[in-house]
PDB file of N, CA and C in Angstrom:
ATOM      1  N   MET A   1     -28.711  92.086 172.748  1.00  0.00           N
ATOM      2  CA  MET A   1     -30.145  91.972 172.642  1.00  0.00           C
ATOM      3  C   MET A   1     -30.659  91.177 173.847  1.00  0.00           C
ATOM      4  N   GLN A   2     -31.735  91.626 174.427  1.00  0.00           N
ATOM      5  CA  GLN A   2     -32.346  90.986 175.591  1.00  0.00           C
ATOM      6  C   GLN A   2     -33.282  89.858 175.160  1.00  0.00           C
ATOM      7  N   PRO A   3     -33.403  88.814 175.979  1.00  0.00           N
ATOM      8  CA  PRO A   3     -34.365  87.759 175.655  1.00  0.00           C
ATOM      9  C   PRO A   3     -35.793  88.291 175.735  1.00  0.00           C
ATOM     10  N   GLU A   4     -36.657  87.733 174.922  1.00  0.00           N
ATOM     11  CA  GLU A   4     -38.061  88.143 174.896  1.00  0.00           C
ATOM     12  C   GLU A   4     -38.938  86.911 175.020  1.00  0.00           C
ATOM     13  N   LYS A   5     -40.042  87.039 175.743  1.00  0.00           N
ATOM     14  CA  LYS A   5     -41.032  85.969 175.843  1.00  0.00           C
ATOM     15  C   LYS A   5     -42.368  86.568 175.440  1.00  0.00           C
ATOM     16  N   LEU A   6     -43.001  85.955 174.464  1.00  0.00           N
ATOM     17  CA  LEU A   6     -44.268  86.471 173.950  1.00  0.00           C
ATOM     18  C   LEU A   6     -45.340  85.396 174.001  1.00  0.00           C
ATOM     19  N   LEU A   7     -46.520  85.758 174.461  1.00  0.00           N
ATOM     20  CA  LEU A   7     -47.674  84.868 174.369  1.00  0.00           C
ATOM     21  C   LEU A   7     -48.359  85.188 173.050  1.00  0.00           C
ATOM     22  N   ILE A   8     -48.584  84.174 172.229  1.00  0.00           N
ATOM     23  CA  ILE A   8     -49.191  84.462 170.926  1.00  0.00           C
ATOM     24  C   ILE A   8     -50.670  84.109 170.871  1.00  0.00           C
ATOM     25  N   ARG A   9     -51.142  83.332 171.844  1.00  0.00           N
ATOM     26  CA  ARG A   9     -52.546  82.931 171.907  1.00  0.00           C
ATOM     27  C   ARG A   9     -53.091  83.230 173.295  1.00  0.00           C
ATOM     28  N   ASN A  10     -54.327  83.699 173.368  1.00  0.00           N
ATOM     29  CA  ASN A  10     -54.972  83.933 174.649  1.00  0.00           C
ATOM     30  C   ASN A  10     -55.165  82.586 175.343  1.00  0.00           C
ATOM     31  N   GLU A  11     -54.636  82.440 176.560  1.00  0.00           N
ATOM     32  CA  GLU A  11     -54.676  81.155 177.262  1.00  0.00           C
ATOM     33  C   GLU A  11     -56.093  80.719 177.618  1.00  0.00           C
ATOM     34  N   LYS A  12     -56.979  81.662 177.857  1.00  0.00           N
ATOM     35  CA  LYS A  12     -58.341  81.316 178.270  1.00  0.00           C
ATOM     36  C   LYS A  12     -59.251  81.023 177.075  1.00  0.00           C
ATOM     37  N   THR A  13     -59.160  81.842 176.038  1.00  0.00           N
ATOM     38  CA  THR A  13     -60.076  81.704 174.903  1.00  0.00           C
ATOM     39  C   THR A  13     -59.465  80.961 173.719  1.00  0.00           C
ATOM     40  N   GLY A  14     -58.131  80.915 173.647  1.00  0.00           N
ATOM     41  CA  GLY A  14     -57.462  80.305 172.507  1.00  0.00           C
ATOM     42  C   GLY A  14     -57.370  81.226 171.308  1.00  0.00           C
ATOM     43  N   ASP A  15     -57.830  82.475 171.461  1.00  0.00           N
ATOM     44  CA  ASP A  15     -57.827  83.425 170.347  1.00  0.00           C
ATOM     45  C   ASP A  15     -56.406  83.813 169.947  1.00  0.00           C
ATOM     46  N   PHE A  16     -56.192  83.944 168.647  1.00  0.00           N
ATOM     47  CA  PHE A  16     -54.942  84.464 168.087  1.00  0.00           C
ATOM     48  C   PHE A  16     -55.264  85.719 167.308  1.00  0.00           C
ATOM     49  N   PRO A  17     -54.461  86.730 167.416  1.00  0.00           N
ATOM     50  CA  PRO A  17     -53.292  86.851 168.270  1.00  0.00           C
ATOM     51  C   PRO A  17     -53.674  87.290 169.681  1.00  0.00           C
ATOM     52  N   HIS A  18     -52.785  87.029 170.620  1.00  0.00           N
ATOM     53  CA  HIS A  18     -52.939  87.473 172.003  1.00  0.00           C
ATOM     54  C   HIS A  18     -52.985  89.003 172.014  1.00  0.00           C
ATOM     55  N   SER A  19     -53.649  89.578 172.999  1.00  0.00           N
ATOM     56  CA  SER A  19     -53.761  91.044 173.072  1.00  0.00           C
ATOM     57  C   SER A  19     -52.390  91.714 173.135  1.00  0.00           C
ATOM     58  N   SER A  20     -51.379  91.038 173.717  1.00  0.00           N
ATOM     59  CA  SER A  20     -50.035  91.628 173.765  1.00  0.00           C
ATOM     60  C   SER A  20     -49.418  91.710 172.369  1.00  0.00           C
ATOM     61  N   ILE A  21     -49.758  90.768 171.490  1.00  0.00           N
ATOM     62  CA  ILE A  21     -49.277  90.816 170.107  1.00  0.00           C
ATOM     63  C   ILE A  21     -49.925  92.000 169.400  1.00  0.00           C
ATOM     64  N   LYS A  22     -51.235  92.156 169.587  1.00  0.00           N
ATOM     65  CA  LYS A  22     -51.943  93.287 168.975  1.00  0.00           C
ATOM     66  C   LYS A  22     -51.360  94.609 169.465  1.00  0.00           C
ATOM     67  N   LYS A  23     -51.107  94.690 170.778  1.00  0.00           N
ATOM     68  CA  LYS A  23     -50.598  95.936 171.374  1.00  0.00           C
ATOM     69  C   LYS A  23     -49.189  96.261 170.873  1.00  0.00           C
ATOM     70  N   THR A  24     -48.330  95.243 170.771  1.00  0.00           N
ATOM     71  CA  THR A  24     -46.935  95.455 170.400  1.00  0.00           C
ATOM     72  C   THR A  24     -46.726  95.574 168.892  1.00  0.00           C
ATOM     73  N   PHE A  25     -47.417  94.717 168.119  1.00  0.00           N
ATOM     74  CA  PHE A  25     -47.140  94.628 166.683  1.00  0.00           C
ATOM     75  C   PHE A  25     -48.292  95.076 165.795  1.00  0.00           C
ATOM     76  N   GLY A  26     -49.444  95.360 166.374  1.00  0.00           N
ATOM     77  CA  GLY A  26     -50.592  95.821 165.605  1.00  0.00           C
ATOM     78  C   GLY A  26     -51.497  94.697 165.147  1.00  0.00           C
ATOM     79  N   ASP A  27     -50.909  93.655 164.548  1.00  0.00           N
ATOM     80  CA  ASP A  27     -51.708  92.519 164.069  1.00  0.00           C
ATOM     81  C   ASP A  27     -50.784  91.342 163.787  1.00  0.00           C
ATOM     82  N   ALA A  28     -51.352  90.274 163.265  1.00  0.00           N
ATOM     83  CA  ALA A  28     -50.565  89.078 162.973  1.00  0.00           C
ATOM     84  C   ALA A  28     -49.489  89.351 161.927  1.00  0.00           C
ATOM     85  N   ASP A  29     -49.758  90.236 160.960  1.00  0.00           N
ATOM     86  CA  ASP A  29     -48.753  90.567 159.941  1.00  0.00           C
ATOM     87  C   ASP A  29     -47.551  91.268 160.568  1.00  0.00           C
ATOM     88  N   GLY A  30     -47.802  92.145 161.526  1.00  0.00           N
ATOM     89  CA  GLY A  30     -46.716  92.817 162.228  1.00  0.00           C
ATOM     90  C   GLY A  30     -45.879  91.835 163.028  1.00  0.00           C
ATOM     91  N   PHE A  31     -46.539  90.856 163.649  1.00  0.00           N
ATOM     92  CA  PHE A  31     -45.833  89.815 164.389  1.00  0.00           C
ATOM     93  C   PHE A  31     -44.992  88.970 163.440  1.00  0.00           C
ATOM     94  N   TRP A  32     -45.542  88.632 162.272  1.00  0.00           N
ATOM     95  CA  TRP A  32     -44.799  87.866 161.279  1.00  0.00           C
ATOM     96  C   TRP A  32     -43.544  88.619 160.836  1.00  0.00           C
ATOM     97  N   ALA A  33     -43.671  89.913 160.604  1.00  0.00           N
ATOM     98  CA  ALA A  33     -42.509  90.734 160.222  1.00  0.00           C
ATOM     99  C   ALA A  33     -41.453  90.709 161.327  1.00  0.00           C
ATOM    100  N   PHE A  34     -41.900  90.748 162.585  1.00  0.00           N
ATOM    101  CA  PHE A  34     -40.987  90.661 163.734  1.00  0.00           C
ATOM    102  C   PHE A  34     -40.227  89.336 163.706  1.00  0.00           C
ATOM    103  N   LEU A  35     -40.941  88.217 163.493  1.00  0.00           N
ATOM    104  CA  LEU A  35     -40.283  86.910 163.432  1.00  0.00           C
ATOM    105  C   LEU A  35     -39.284  86.835 162.277  1.00  0.00           C
ATOM    106  N   MET A  36     -39.669  87.347 161.129  1.00  0.00           N
ATOM    107  CA  MET A  36     -38.772  87.337 159.970  1.00  0.00           C
ATOM    108  C   MET A  36     -37.503  88.151 160.256  1.00  0.00           C
ATOM    109  N   GLN A  37     -37.658  89.282 160.940  1.00  0.00           N
ATOM    110  CA  GLN A  37     -36.491  90.113 161.268  1.00  0.00           C
ATOM    111  C   GLN A  37     -35.588  89.403 162.270  1.00  0.00           C
ATOM    112  N   ARG A  38     -36.168  88.765 163.264  1.00  0.00           N
ATOM    113  CA  ARG A  38     -35.365  88.024 164.242  1.00  0.00           C
ATOM    114  C   ARG A  38     -34.605  86.887 163.549  1.00  0.00           C
ATOM    115  N   ASP A  39     -35.244  86.231 162.603  1.00  0.00           N
ATOM    116  CA  ASP A  39     -34.579  85.179 161.843  1.00  0.00           C
ATOM    117  C   ASP A  39     -33.420  85.757 161.039  1.00  0.00           C
ATOM    118  N   ALA A  40     -33.642  86.884 160.398  1.00  0.00           N
ATOM    119  CA  ALA A  40     -32.591  87.535 159.610  1.00  0.00           C
ATOM    120  C   ALA A  40     -31.418  87.965 160.502  1.00  0.00           C
ATOM    121  N   ASP A  41     -31.713  88.277 161.764  1.00  0.00           N
ATOM    122  CA  ASP A  41     -30.680  88.668 162.727  1.00  0.00           C
ATOM    123  C   ASP A  41     -30.001  87.467 163.373  1.00  0.00           C
ATOM    124  N   ASN A  42     -30.366  86.251 162.927  1.00  0.00           N
ATOM    125  CA  ASN A  42     -29.810  85.000 163.464  1.00  0.00           C
ATOM    126  C   ASN A  42     -30.046  84.826 164.955  1.00  0.00           C
ATOM    127  N   CYS A  43     -31.215  85.255 165.418  1.00  0.00           N
ATOM    128  CA  CYS A  43     -31.568  85.101 166.827  1.00  0.00           C
ATOM    129  C   CYS A  43     -31.946  83.652 167.110  1.00  0.00           C
ATOM    130  N   LEU A  44     -31.601  83.204 168.302  1.00  0.00           N
ATOM    131  CA  LEU A  44     -32.009  81.883 168.765  1.00  0.00           C
ATOM    132  C   LEU A  44     -33.473  81.976 169.171  1.00  0.00           C
ATOM    133  N   MET A  45     -34.331  81.101 168.607  1.00  0.00           N
ATOM    134  CA  MET A  45     -35.765  81.155 168.891  1.00  0.00           C
ATOM    135  C   MET A  45     -36.273  79.783 169.297  1.00  0.00           C
ATOM    136  N   GLY A  46     -37.309  79.789 170.094  1.00  0.00           N
ATOM    137  CA  GLY A  46     -37.945  78.556 170.523  1.00  0.00           C
ATOM    138  C   GLY A  46     -39.412  78.821 170.795  1.00  0.00           C
ATOM    139  N   CYS A  47     -40.148  77.743 171.050  1.00  0.00           N
ATOM    140  CA  CYS A  47     -41.564  77.884 171.343  1.00  0.00           C
ATOM    141  C   CYS A  47     -42.026  76.681 172.160  1.00  0.00           C
ATOM    142  N   SER A  48     -43.203  76.804 172.738  1.00  0.00           N
ATOM    143  CA  SER A  48     -43.811  75.701 173.477  1.00  0.00           C
ATOM    144  C   SER A  48     -45.309  75.917 173.531  1.00  0.00           C
ATOM    145  N   ILE A  49     -46.027  74.847 173.878  1.00  0.00           N
ATOM    146  CA  ILE A  49     -47.469  74.918 174.079  1.00  0.00           C
ATOM    147  C   ILE A  49     -47.706  74.764 175.562  1.00  0.00           C
ATOM    148  N   LYS A  50     -48.222  75.817 176.189  1.00  0.00           N
ATOM    149  CA  LYS A  50     -48.473  75.784 177.625  1.00  0.00           C
ATOM    150  C   LYS A  50     -49.629  74.827 177.903  1.00  0.00           C
ATOM    151  N   GLY A  51     -49.392  73.863 178.807  1.00  0.00           N
ATOM    152  CA  GLY A  51     -50.391  72.843 179.089  1.00  0.00           C
ATOM    153  C   GLY A  51     -51.383  73.208 180.171  1.00  0.00           C
ATOM    154  N   ASN A  52     -51.122  74.292 180.926  1.00  0.00           N
ATOM    155  CA  ASN A  52     -52.010  74.677 182.029  1.00  0.00           C
ATOM    156  C   ASN A  52     -52.359  73.484 182.911  1.00  0.00           C
ATOM    157  N   GLY A  53     -51.333  72.747 183.355  1.00  0.00           N
ATOM    158  CA  GLY A  53     -51.531  71.600 184.229  1.00  0.00           C
ATOM    159  C   GLY A  53     -51.735  70.292 183.502  1.00  0.00           C
ATOM    160  N   LYS A  54     -51.938  70.336 182.185  1.00  0.00           N
ATOM    161  CA  LYS A  54     -52.112  69.112 181.402  1.00  0.00           C
ATOM    162  C   LYS A  54     -50.759  68.643 180.896  1.00  0.00           C
ATOM    163  N   GLU A  55     -50.641  67.353 180.666  1.00  0.00           N
ATOM    164  CA  GLU A  55     -49.414  66.762 180.148  1.00  0.00           C
ATOM    165  C   GLU A  55     -49.738  65.965 178.888  1.00  0.00           C
ATOM    166  N   GLY A  56     -48.729  65.692 178.091  1.00  0.00           N
ATOM    167  CA  GLY A  56     -48.887  64.781 176.964  1.00  0.00           C
ATOM    168  C   GLY A  56     -49.119  65.462 175.629  1.00  0.00           C
ATOM    169  N   VAL A  57     -49.688  64.694 174.709  1.00  0.00           N
ATOM    170  CA  VAL A  57     -49.882  65.142 173.319  1.00  0.00           C
ATOM    171  C   VAL A  57     -50.928  66.247 173.258  1.00  0.00           C
ATOM    172  N   HIS A  58     -50.627  67.280 172.483  1.00  0.00           N
ATOM    173  CA  HIS A  58     -51.554  68.386 172.273  1.00  0.00           C
ATOM    174  C   HIS A  58     -52.620  67.970 171.262  1.00  0.00           C
ATOM    175  N   LEU A  59     -53.867  68.199 171.610  1.00  0.00           N
ATOM    176  CA  LEU A  59     -54.960  67.895 170.694  1.00  0.00           C
ATOM    177  C   LEU A  59     -55.464  69.176 170.064  1.00  0.00           C
ATOM    178  N   GLY A  60     -55.452  69.224 168.747  1.00  0.00           N
ATOM    179  CA  GLY A  60     -56.003  70.360 168.021  1.00  0.00           C
ATOM    180  C   GLY A  60     -57.453  70.096 167.668  1.00  0.00           C
ATOM    181  N   ASP A  61     -58.032  70.973 166.871  1.00  0.00           N
ATOM    182  CA  ASP A  61     -59.421  70.817 166.453  1.00  0.00           C
ATOM    183  C   ASP A  61     -59.660  69.513 165.692  1.00  0.00           C
ATOM    184  N   ASP A  62     -58.644  69.049 164.966  1.00  0.00           N
ATOM    185  CA  ASP A  62     -58.790  67.852 164.139  1.00  0.00           C
ATOM    186  C   ASP A  62     -58.119  66.621 164.740  1.00  0.00           C
ATOM    187  N   GLY A  63     -57.791  66.660 166.039  1.00  0.00           N
ATOM    188  CA  GLY A  63     -57.169  65.512 166.693  1.00  0.00           C
ATOM    189  C   GLY A  63     -55.735  65.799 167.104  1.00  0.00           C
ATOM    190  N   PRO A  64     -54.943  64.749 167.341  1.00  0.00           N
ATOM    191  CA  PRO A  64     -53.559  64.921 167.791  1.00  0.00           C
ATOM    192  C   PRO A  64     -52.727  65.719 166.788  1.00  0.00           C
ATOM    193  N   THR A  65     -51.888  66.606 167.320  1.00  0.00           N
ATOM    194  CA  THR A  65     -51.048  67.447 166.460  1.00  0.00           C
ATOM    195  C   THR A  65     -49.633  66.903 166.316  1.00  0.00           C
ATOM    196  N   GLY A  66     -49.251  65.955 167.177  1.00  0.00           N
ATOM    197  CA  GLY A  66     -47.880  65.451 167.168  1.00  0.00           C
ATOM    198  C   GLY A  66     -46.951  66.287 168.031  1.00  0.00           C
ATOM    199  N   LEU A  67     -47.476  67.349 168.650  1.00  0.00           N
ATOM    200  CA  LEU A  67     -46.687  68.201 169.534  1.00  0.00           C
ATOM    201  C   LEU A  67     -47.005  67.858 170.984  1.00  0.00           C
ATOM    202  N   ILE A  68     -46.031  68.037 171.857  1.00  0.00           N
ATOM    203  CA  ILE A  68     -46.175  67.717 173.271  1.00  0.00           C
ATOM    204  C   ILE A  68     -46.304  69.021 174.064  1.00  0.00           C
ATOM    205  N   MET A  69     -47.311  69.075 174.935  1.00  0.00           N
ATOM    206  CA  MET A  69     -47.491  70.259 175.786  1.00  0.00           C
ATOM    207  C   MET A  69     -46.355  70.342 176.801  1.00  0.00           C
ATOM    208  N   ASN A  70     -45.993  71.558 177.164  1.00  0.00           N
ATOM    209  CA  ASN A  70     -44.948  71.853 178.148  1.00  0.00           C
ATOM    210  C   ASN A  70     -43.563  71.367 177.708  1.00  0.00           C
ATOM    211  N   HIS A  71     -43.357  71.202 176.425  1.00  0.00           N
ATOM    212  CA  HIS A  71     -42.074  70.779 175.881  1.00  0.00           C
ATOM    213  C   HIS A  71     -41.506  71.934 175.061  1.00  0.00           C
ATOM    214  N   ALA A  72     -40.223  72.198 175.212  1.00  0.00           N
ATOM    215  CA  ALA A  72     -39.588  73.277 174.458  1.00  0.00           C
ATOM    216  C   ALA A  72     -39.149  72.780 173.087  1.00  0.00           C
ATOM    217  N   TYR A  73     -39.450  73.564 172.065  1.00  0.00           N
ATOM    218  CA  TYR A  73     -39.046  73.262 170.693  1.00  0.00           C
ATOM    219  C   TYR A  73     -38.169  74.395 170.171  1.00  0.00           C
ATOM    220  N   GLY A  74     -37.059  74.048 169.543  1.00  0.00           N
ATOM    221  CA  GLY A  74     -36.236  75.044 168.888  1.00  0.00           C
ATOM    222  C   GLY A  74     -36.810  75.366 167.517  1.00  0.00           C
ATOM    223  N   ILE A  75     -36.732  76.624 167.132  1.00  0.00           N
ATOM    224  CA  ILE A  75     -37.184  77.038 165.800  1.00  0.00           C
ATOM    225  C   ILE A  75     -35.939  77.153 164.932  1.00  0.00           C
ATOM    226  N   ASN A  76     -35.869  76.327 163.904  1.00  0.00           N
ATOM    227  CA  ASN A  76     -34.688  76.296 163.042  1.00  0.00           C
ATOM    228  C   ASN A  76     -34.699  77.350 161.948  1.00  0.00           C
ATOM    229  N   ASP A  77     -35.885  77.721 161.487  1.00  0.00           N
ATOM    230  CA  ASP A  77     -35.965  78.671 160.380  1.00  0.00           C
ATOM    231  C   ASP A  77     -37.378  79.234 160.321  1.00  0.00           C
ATOM    232  N   ILE A  78     -37.506  80.390 159.732  1.00  0.00           N
ATOM    233  CA  ILE A  78     -38.798  81.027 159.487  1.00  0.00           C
ATOM    234  C   ILE A  78     -38.925  81.150 157.972  1.00  0.00           C
ATOM    235  N   ILE A  79     -39.962  80.549 157.418  1.00  0.00           N
ATOM    236  CA  ILE A  79     -40.169  80.629 155.970  1.00  0.00           C
ATOM    237  C   ILE A  79     -41.613  81.028 155.698  1.00  0.00           C
ATOM    238  N   GLN A  80     -41.837  81.623 154.563  1.00  0.00           N
ATOM    239  CA  GLN A  80     -43.179  82.002 154.148  1.00  0.00           C
ATOM    240  C   GLN A  80     -43.552  81.215 152.908  1.00  0.00           C
ATOM    241  N   LEU A  81     -44.648  80.483 153.009  1.00  0.00           N
ATOM    242  CA  LEU A  81     -45.131  79.718 151.864  1.00  0.00           C
ATOM    243  C   LEU A  81     -46.157  80.553 151.096  1.00  0.00           C
ATOM    244  N   THR A  82     -46.154  80.403 149.796  1.00  0.00           N
ATOM    245  CA  THR A  82     -47.107  81.126 148.974  1.00  0.00           C
ATOM    246  C   THR A  82     -47.947  80.126 148.191  1.00  0.00           C
ATOM    247  N   GLU A  83     -49.150  80.526 147.881  1.00  0.00           N
ATOM    248  CA  GLU A  83     -50.047  79.694 147.075  1.00  0.00           C
ATOM    249  C   GLU A  83     -49.517  79.656 145.644  1.00  0.00           C
ATOM    250  N   PRO A  84     -49.496  78.466 145.023  1.00  0.00           N
ATOM    251  CA  PRO A  84     -49.082  78.409 143.618  1.00  0.00           C
ATOM    252  C   PRO A  84     -50.120  79.093 142.718  1.00  0.00           C
ATOM    253  N   ASP A  85     -49.645  79.659 141.629  1.00  0.00           N
ATOM    254  CA  ASP A  85     -50.567  80.266 140.664  1.00  0.00           C
ATOM    255  C   ASP A  85     -51.455  79.186 140.076  1.00  0.00           C
ATOM    256  N   SER A  86     -52.707  79.489 139.884  1.00  0.00           N
ATOM    257  CA  SER A  86     -53.638  78.501 139.327  1.00  0.00           C
ATOM    258  C   SER A  86     -53.876  78.753 137.847  1.00  0.00           C
ATOM    259  N   ASP A  87     -52.788  78.893 137.097  1.00  0.00           N
ATOM    260  CA  ASP A  87     -52.886  79.128 135.638  1.00  0.00           C
ATOM    261  C   ASP A  87     -53.189  77.867 134.899  1.00  0.00           C
TER     262      ASP A  87
END
């Protein structure tokens, strides 16, 4: 299997999913299925937040995220959480 590099967010607008995700997988659900399959195949996966010249802690909409820009993170597992029943 060949290594793959995917952009999941548009670097200029911040929109998810990136147009390459839409083109390759159709939508976010298709991308999720791809990740789940790679996990099932025991593929080595990683991710990072591109800083575009910025360094340090990544700030999200609600403040610091605890993630560092331009730092590589290994992905240990892919899991899907479900909402508990409200019975």
